[in-house]
Amino acid sequence: MRYRRDVGPGDSGMRISLRRRYPDGLLGDVLGVLTSWVDGVVQVTRASGEVVVIAEADVVATKRIPPPPAPR
């Protein structure tokens, strides 16, 4: 599988999906709003309000995600 990085530092405020590599080599995903990408550090805020901080070197793939559906 080939991973792509379609999101970067200029995409703050966008809803994204980010795949990261953990120290043990496993991969994990974060879904939320890109709040910062500065000096090699990426911050994503999840819908719960939790801020996830990831080293840029651990980012494997990123992509823009459409806004969630409106509540009915």
PDB file of N, CA and C in Angstrom:
ATOM      1  N   MET A   1       0.843  -1.175   0.000  1.00  0.00           N
ATOM      2  CA  MET A   1       0.000   0.000   0.000  1.00  0.00           C
ATOM      3  C   MET A   1       0.891   1.242   0.000  1.00  0.00           C
ATOM      4  N   ARG A   2       0.518   2.212  -0.782  1.00  0.00           N
ATOM      5  CA  ARG A   2       1.279   3.452  -0.859  1.00  0.00           C
ATOM      6  C   ARG A   2       0.541   4.549  -0.099  1.00  0.00           C
ATOM      7  N   TYR A   3       1.231   5.193   0.815  1.00  0.00           N
ATOM      8  CA  TYR A   3       0.634   6.250   1.621  1.00  0.00           C
ATOM      9  C   TYR A   3       0.912   7.601   0.997  1.00  0.00           C
ATOM     10  N   ARG A   4      -0.031   8.534   1.195  1.00  0.00           N
ATOM     11  CA  ARG A   4       0.116   9.896   0.659  1.00  0.00           C
ATOM     12  C   ARG A   4      -0.020  10.904   1.785  1.00  0.00           C
ATOM     13  N   ARG A   5       0.660  12.010   1.604  1.00  0.00           N
ATOM     14  CA  ARG A   5       0.530  13.129   2.544  1.00  0.00           C
ATOM     15  C   ARG A   5      -0.076  14.296   1.775  1.00  0.00           C
ATOM     16  N   ASP A   6      -1.397  14.396   1.843  1.00  0.00           N
ATOM     17  CA  ASP A   6      -2.128  15.435   1.119  1.00  0.00           C
ATOM     18  C   ASP A   6      -2.373  16.688   1.960  1.00  0.00           C
ATOM     19  N   VAL A   7      -1.967  16.671   3.210  1.00  0.00           N
ATOM     20  CA  VAL A   7      -2.179  17.791   4.131  1.00  0.00           C
ATOM     21  C   VAL A   7      -0.819  18.270   4.609  1.00  0.00           C
ATOM     22  N   GLY A   8      -0.692  19.563   4.821  1.00  0.00           N
ATOM     23  CA  GLY A   8       0.565  20.115   5.314  1.00  0.00           C
ATOM     24  C   GLY A   8       0.339  21.303   6.214  1.00  0.00           C
ATOM     25  N   PRO A   9       1.401  22.022   6.537  1.00  0.00           N
ATOM     26  CA  PRO A   9       1.321  23.141   7.471  1.00  0.00           C
ATOM     27  C   PRO A   9       0.319  24.221   7.074  1.00  0.00           C
ATOM     28  N   GLY A  10       0.052  24.394   5.803  1.00  0.00           N
ATOM     29  CA  GLY A  10      -0.885  25.433   5.363  1.00  0.00           C
ATOM     30  C   GLY A  10      -2.347  25.052   5.479  1.00  0.00           C
ATOM     31  N   ASP A  11      -2.633  23.865   6.009  1.00  0.00           N
ATOM     32  CA  ASP A  11      -4.011  23.377   6.084  1.00  0.00           C
ATOM     33  C   ASP A  11      -4.629  23.486   7.470  1.00  0.00           C
ATOM     34  N   SER A  12      -4.096  24.342   8.329  1.00  0.00           N
ATOM     35  CA  SER A  12      -4.672  24.513   9.663  1.00  0.00           C
ATOM     36  C   SER A  12      -6.144  24.871   9.552  1.00  0.00           C
ATOM     37  N   GLY A  13      -6.937  24.270  10.436  1.00  0.00           N
ATOM     38  CA  GLY A  13      -8.375  24.506  10.436  1.00  0.00           C
ATOM     39  C   GLY A  13      -9.153  23.489   9.621  1.00  0.00           C
ATOM     40  N   MET A  14      -8.463  22.646   8.864  1.00  0.00           N
ATOM     41  CA  MET A  14      -9.122  21.615   8.047  1.00  0.00           C
ATOM     42  C   MET A  14      -9.341  20.353   8.882  1.00  0.00           C
ATOM     43  N   ARG A  15     -10.431  19.654   8.592  1.00  0.00           N
ATOM     44  CA  ARG A  15     -10.678  18.354   9.209  1.00  0.00           C
ATOM     45  C   ARG A  15      -9.849  17.330   8.442  1.00  0.00           C
ATOM     46  N   ILE A  16      -9.086  16.536   9.175  1.00  0.00           N
ATOM     47  CA  ILE A  16      -8.152  15.613   8.518  1.00  0.00           C
ATOM     48  C   ILE A  16      -8.171  14.238   9.173  1.00  0.00           C
ATOM     49  N   SER A  17      -7.622  13.297   8.446  1.00  0.00           N
ATOM     50  CA  SER A  17      -7.268  11.985   8.978  1.00  0.00           C
ATOM     51  C   SER A  17      -5.754  11.889   8.866  1.00  0.00           C
ATOM     52  N   LEU A  18      -5.119  11.470   9.941  1.00  0.00           N
ATOM     53  CA  LEU A  18      -3.664  11.388   9.974  1.00  0.00           C
ATOM     54  C   LEU A  18      -3.270   9.997  10.447  1.00  0.00           C
ATOM     55  N   ARG A  19      -2.405   9.338   9.707  1.00  0.00           N
ATOM     56  CA  ARG A  19      -1.868   8.028  10.111  1.00  0.00           C
ATOM     57  C   ARG A  19      -0.459   8.257  10.633  1.00  0.00           C
ATOM     58  N   ARG A  20      -0.198   7.725  11.825  1.00  0.00           N
ATOM     59  CA  ARG A  20       1.119   7.902  12.442  1.00  0.00           C
ATOM     60  C   ARG A  20       1.731   6.565  12.802  1.00  0.00           C
ATOM     61  N   ARG A  21       3.047   6.583  12.943  1.00  0.00           N
ATOM     62  CA  ARG A  21       3.788   5.381  13.340  1.00  0.00           C
ATOM     63  C   ARG A  21       4.181   5.526  14.814  1.00  0.00           C
ATOM     64  N   TYR A  22       3.846   4.495  15.599  1.00  0.00           N
ATOM     65  CA  TYR A  22       4.231   4.455  17.011  1.00  0.00           C
ATOM     66  C   TYR A  22       5.660   3.920  17.130  1.00  0.00           C
ATOM     67  N   PRO A  23       6.310   4.136  18.274  1.00  0.00           N
ATOM     68  CA  PRO A  23       7.688   3.659  18.451  1.00  0.00           C
ATOM     69  C   PRO A  23       7.857   2.156  18.218  1.00  0.00           C
ATOM     70  N   ASP A  24       6.814   1.364  18.475  1.00  0.00           N
ATOM     71  CA  ASP A  24       6.917  -0.088  18.269  1.00  0.00           C
ATOM     72  C   ASP A  24       6.674  -0.502  16.815  1.00  0.00           C
ATOM     73  N   GLY A  25       6.464   0.499  15.925  1.00  0.00           N
ATOM     74  CA  GLY A  25       6.281   0.221  14.507  1.00  0.00           C
ATOM     75  C   GLY A  25       4.834   0.088  14.069  1.00  0.00           C
ATOM     76  N   LEU A  26       3.918  -0.046  15.029  1.00  0.00           N
ATOM     77  CA  LEU A  26       2.498  -0.126  14.671  1.00  0.00           C
ATOM     78  C   LEU A  26       2.006   1.231  14.186  1.00  0.00           C
ATOM     79  N   LEU A  27       0.901   1.214  13.443  1.00  0.00           N
ATOM     80  CA  LEU A  27       0.316   2.443  12.926  1.00  0.00           C
ATOM     81  C   LEU A  27      -0.994   2.738  13.637  1.00  0.00           C
ATOM     82  N   GLY A  28      -1.320   4.021  13.748  1.00  0.00           N
ATOM     83  CA  GLY A  28      -2.584   4.445  14.343  1.00  0.00           C
ATOM     84  C   GLY A  28      -3.110   5.660  13.621  1.00  0.00           C
ATOM     85  N   ASP A  29      -4.421   5.862  13.686  1.00  0.00           N
ATOM     86  CA  ASP A  29      -5.068   6.976  12.995  1.00  0.00           C
ATOM     87  C   ASP A  29      -5.621   7.988  13.982  1.00  0.00           C
ATOM     88  N   VAL A  30      -5.609   9.250  13.570  1.00  0.00           N
ATOM     89  CA  VAL A  30      -6.198  10.337  14.337  1.00  0.00           C
ATOM     90  C   VAL A  30      -7.122  11.088  13.387  1.00  0.00           C
ATOM     91  N   LEU A  31      -8.371  11.309  13.809  1.00  0.00           N
ATOM     92  CA  LEU A  31      -9.331  12.080  13.038  1.00  0.00           C
ATOM     93  C   LEU A  31      -9.661  13.332  13.824  1.00  0.00           C
ATOM     94  N   GLY A  32      -9.542  14.491  13.188  1.00  0.00           N
ATOM     95  CA  GLY A  32      -9.852  15.739  13.876  1.00  0.00           C
ATOM     96  C   GLY A  32      -9.475  16.932  13.026  1.00  0.00           C
ATOM     97  N   VAL A  33      -9.376  18.077  13.680  1.00  0.00           N
ATOM     98  CA  VAL A  33      -9.037  19.332  13.004  1.00  0.00           C
ATOM     99  C   VAL A  33      -7.554  19.617  13.214  1.00  0.00           C
ATOM    100  N   LEU A  34      -6.862  19.879  12.114  1.00  0.00           N
ATOM    101  CA  LEU A  34      -5.446  20.255  12.205  1.00  0.00           C
ATOM    102  C   LEU A  34      -5.364  21.636  12.837  1.00  0.00           C
ATOM    103  N   THR A  35      -4.803  21.711  14.038  1.00  0.00           N
ATOM    104  CA  THR A  35      -4.725  22.988  14.739  1.00  0.00           C
ATOM    105  C   THR A  35      -3.356  23.642  14.626  1.00  0.00           C
ATOM    106  N   SER A  36      -2.327  22.839  14.350  1.00  0.00           N
ATOM    107  CA  SER A  36      -0.991  23.419  14.219  1.00  0.00           C
ATOM    108  C   SER A  36      -0.062  22.419  13.545  1.00  0.00           C
ATOM    109  N   TRP A  37       0.857  22.967  12.734  1.00  0.00           N
ATOM    110  CA  TRP A  37       1.930  22.150  12.131  1.00  0.00           C
ATOM    111  C   TRP A  37       3.130  23.078  12.015  1.00  0.00           C
ATOM    112  N   VAL A  38       3.911  23.152  13.097  1.00  0.00           N
ATOM    113  CA  VAL A  38       5.007  24.112  13.188  1.00  0.00           C
ATOM    114  C   VAL A  38       6.245  23.428  13.757  1.00  0.00           C
ATOM    115  N   ASP A  39       7.388  23.723  13.165  1.00  0.00           N
ATOM    116  CA  ASP A  39       8.683  23.254  13.686  1.00  0.00           C
ATOM    117  C   ASP A  39       8.718  21.745  13.936  1.00  0.00           C
ATOM    118  N   GLY A  40       8.139  20.974  13.017  1.00  0.00           N
ATOM    119  CA  GLY A  40       8.213  19.529  13.130  1.00  0.00           C
ATOM    120  C   GLY A  40       7.246  18.904  14.112  1.00  0.00           C
ATOM    121  N   VAL A  41       6.272  19.683  14.594  1.00  0.00           N
ATOM    122  CA  VAL A  41       5.280  19.168  15.536  1.00  0.00           C
ATOM    123  C   VAL A  41       3.887  19.413  14.967  1.00  0.00           C
ATOM    124  N   VAL A  42       3.077  18.360  14.929  1.00  0.00           N
ATOM    125  CA  VAL A  42       1.721  18.434  14.398  1.00  0.00           C
ATOM    126  C   VAL A  42       0.738  18.278  15.559  1.00  0.00           C
ATOM    127  N   GLN A  43      -0.294  19.151  15.579  1.00  0.00           N
ATOM    128  CA  GLN A  43      -1.336  19.053  16.600  1.00  0.00           C
ATOM    129  C   GLN A  43      -2.677  18.896  15.908  1.00  0.00           C
ATOM    130  N   VAL A  44      -3.432  17.889  16.345  1.00  0.00           N
ATOM    131  CA  VAL A  44      -4.767  17.624  15.817  1.00  0.00           C
ATOM    132  C   VAL A  44      -5.723  17.601  17.002  1.00  0.00           C
ATOM    133  N   THR A  45      -6.841  18.336  16.878  1.00  0.00           N
ATOM    134  CA  THR A  45      -7.846  18.366  17.939  1.00  0.00           C
ATOM    135  C   THR A  45      -9.003  17.464  17.541  1.00  0.00           C
ATOM    136  N   ARG A  46      -9.244  16.440  18.346  1.00  0.00           N
ATOM    137  CA  ARG A  46     -10.344  15.511  18.094  1.00  0.00           C
ATOM    138  C   ARG A  46     -11.677  16.157  18.458  1.00  0.00           C
ATOM    139  N   ALA A  47     -12.779  15.551  18.022  1.00  0.00           N
ATOM    140  CA  ALA A  47     -14.125  16.068  18.318  1.00  0.00           C
ATOM    141  C   ALA A  47     -14.371  16.135  19.828  1.00  0.00           C
ATOM    142  N   SER A  48     -13.704  15.274  20.581  1.00  0.00           N
ATOM    143  CA  SER A  48     -13.852  15.257  22.044  1.00  0.00           C
ATOM    144  C   SER A  48     -13.154  16.440  22.713  1.00  0.00           C
ATOM    145  N   GLY A  49     -12.325  17.160  21.943  1.00  0.00           N
ATOM    146  CA  GLY A  49     -11.540  18.263  22.497  1.00  0.00           C
ATOM    147  C   GLY A  49     -10.117  17.860  22.840  1.00  0.00           C
ATOM    148  N   GLU A  50      -9.840  16.569  22.818  1.00  0.00           N
ATOM    149  CA  GLU A  50      -8.480  16.089  23.098  1.00  0.00           C
ATOM    150  C   GLU A  50      -7.521  16.583  22.008  1.00  0.00           C
ATOM    151  N   VAL A  51      -6.392  17.125  22.422  1.00  0.00           N
ATOM    152  CA  VAL A  51      -5.365  17.567  21.480  1.00  0.00           C
ATOM    153  C   VAL A  51      -4.295  16.485  21.410  1.00  0.00           C
ATOM    154  N   VAL A  52      -4.056  15.989  20.198  1.00  0.00           N
ATOM    155  CA  VAL A  52      -3.057  14.946  19.973  1.00  0.00           C
ATOM    156  C   VAL A  52      -1.833  15.608  19.353  1.00  0.00           C
ATOM    157  N   VAL A  53      -0.676  15.417  19.965  1.00  0.00           N
ATOM    158  CA  VAL A  53       0.573  16.013  19.499  1.00  0.00           C
ATOM    159  C   VAL A  53       1.439  14.897  18.910  1.00  0.00           C
ATOM    160  N   ILE A  54       1.880  15.113  17.669  1.00  0.00           N
ATOM    161  CA  ILE A  54       2.623  14.086  16.939  1.00  0.00           C
ATOM    162  C   ILE A  54       3.867  14.712  16.322  1.00  0.00           C
ATOM    163  N   ALA A  55       4.996  14.054  16.434  1.00  0.00           N
ATOM    164  CA  ALA A  55       6.205  14.518  15.747  1.00  0.00           C
ATOM    165  C   ALA A  55       6.010  14.326  14.243  1.00  0.00           C
ATOM    166  N   GLU A  56       6.378  15.322  13.460  1.00  0.00           N
ATOM    167  CA  GLU A  56       6.216  15.245  12.008  1.00  0.00           C
ATOM    168  C   GLU A  56       6.897  14.001  11.428  1.00  0.00           C
ATOM    169  N   ALA A  57       8.004  13.597  12.019  1.00  0.00           N
ATOM    170  CA  ALA A  57       8.728  12.414  11.539  1.00  0.00           C
ATOM    171  C   ALA A  57       7.903  11.138  11.672  1.00  0.00           C
ATOM    172  N   ASP A  58       6.896  11.147  12.552  1.00  0.00           N
ATOM    173  CA  ASP A  58       6.044   9.970  12.761  1.00  0.00           C
ATOM    174  C   ASP A  58       4.802   9.971  11.878  1.00  0.00           C
ATOM    175  N   VAL A  59       4.581  11.049  11.119  1.00  0.00           N
ATOM    176  CA  VAL A  59       3.415  11.133  10.241  1.00  0.00           C
ATOM    177  C   VAL A  59       3.678  10.294   8.996  1.00  0.00           C
ATOM    178  N   VAL A  60       2.813   9.321   8.745  1.00  0.00           N
ATOM    179  CA  VAL A  60       2.956   8.419   7.604  1.00  0.00           C
ATOM    180  C   VAL A  60       2.098   8.898   6.435  1.00  0.00           C
ATOM    181  N   ALA A  61       0.859   9.309   6.732  1.00  0.00           N
ATOM    182  CA  ALA A  61      -0.069   9.735   5.678  1.00  0.00           C
ATOM    183  C   ALA A  61      -1.083  10.713   6.251  1.00  0.00           C
ATOM    184  N   THR A  62      -1.594  11.579   5.388  1.00  0.00           N
ATOM    185  CA  THR A  62      -2.635  12.531   5.778  1.00  0.00           C
ATOM    186  C   THR A  62      -3.594  12.720   4.615  1.00  0.00           C
ATOM    187  N   LYS A  63      -4.843  13.066   4.955  1.00  0.00           N
ATOM    188  CA  LYS A  63      -5.786  13.450   3.911  1.00  0.00           C
ATOM    189  C   LYS A  63      -6.883  14.320   4.505  1.00  0.00           C
ATOM    190  N   ARG A  64      -7.457  15.165   3.665  1.00  0.00           N
ATOM    191  CA  ARG A  64      -8.571  16.008   4.074  1.00  0.00           C
ATOM    192  C   ARG A  64      -9.834  15.160   4.158  1.00  0.00           C
ATOM    193  N   ILE A  65     -10.665  15.453   5.151  1.00  0.00           N
ATOM    194  CA  ILE A  65     -11.915  14.738   5.373  1.00  0.00           C
ATOM    195  C   ILE A  65     -13.050  15.759   5.308  1.00  0.00           C
ATOM    196  N   PRO A  66     -14.174  15.429   4.643  1.00  0.00           N
ATOM    197  CA  PRO A  66     -15.278  16.366   4.621  1.00  0.00           C
ATOM    198  C   PRO A  66     -15.851  16.593   6.013  1.00  0.00           C
ATOM    199  N   PRO A  67     -16.552  17.699   6.211  1.00  0.00           N
ATOM    200  CA  PRO A  67     -17.162  17.959   7.528  1.00  0.00           C
ATOM    201  C   PRO A  67     -18.144  16.835   7.892  1.00  0.00           C
ATOM    202  N   PRO A  68     -18.368  16.643   9.186  1.00  0.00           N
ATOM    203  CA  PRO A  68     -19.324  15.610   9.577  1.00  0.00           C
ATOM    204  C   PRO A  68     -20.737  15.998   9.129  1.00  0.00           C
ATOM    205  N   PRO A  69     -21.624  15.021   8.962  1.00  0.00           N
ATOM    206  CA  PRO A  69     -22.987  15.361   8.551  1.00  0.00           C
ATOM    207  C   PRO A  69     -23.699  16.193   9.622  1.00  0.00           C
ATOM    208  N   ALA A  70     -24.601  17.028   9.163  1.00  0.00           N
ATOM    209  CA  ALA A  70     -25.375  17.857  10.099  1.00  0.00           C
ATOM    210  C   ALA A  70     -26.286  16.966  10.933  1.00  0.00           C
ATOM    211  N   PRO A  71     -26.487  17.332  12.200  1.00  0.00           N
ATOM    212  CA  PRO A  71     -27.404  16.529  13.033  1.00  0.00           C
ATOM    213  C   PRO A  71     -28.833  16.642  12.495  1.00  0.00           C
ATOM    214  N   ARG A  72     -29.582  15.574  12.680  1.00  0.00           N
ATOM    215  CA  ARG A  72     -30.980  15.579  12.202  1.00  0.00           C
ATOM    216  C   ARG A  72     -31.927  15.908  13.297  1.00  0.00           C
TER     217      ARG A  72
END
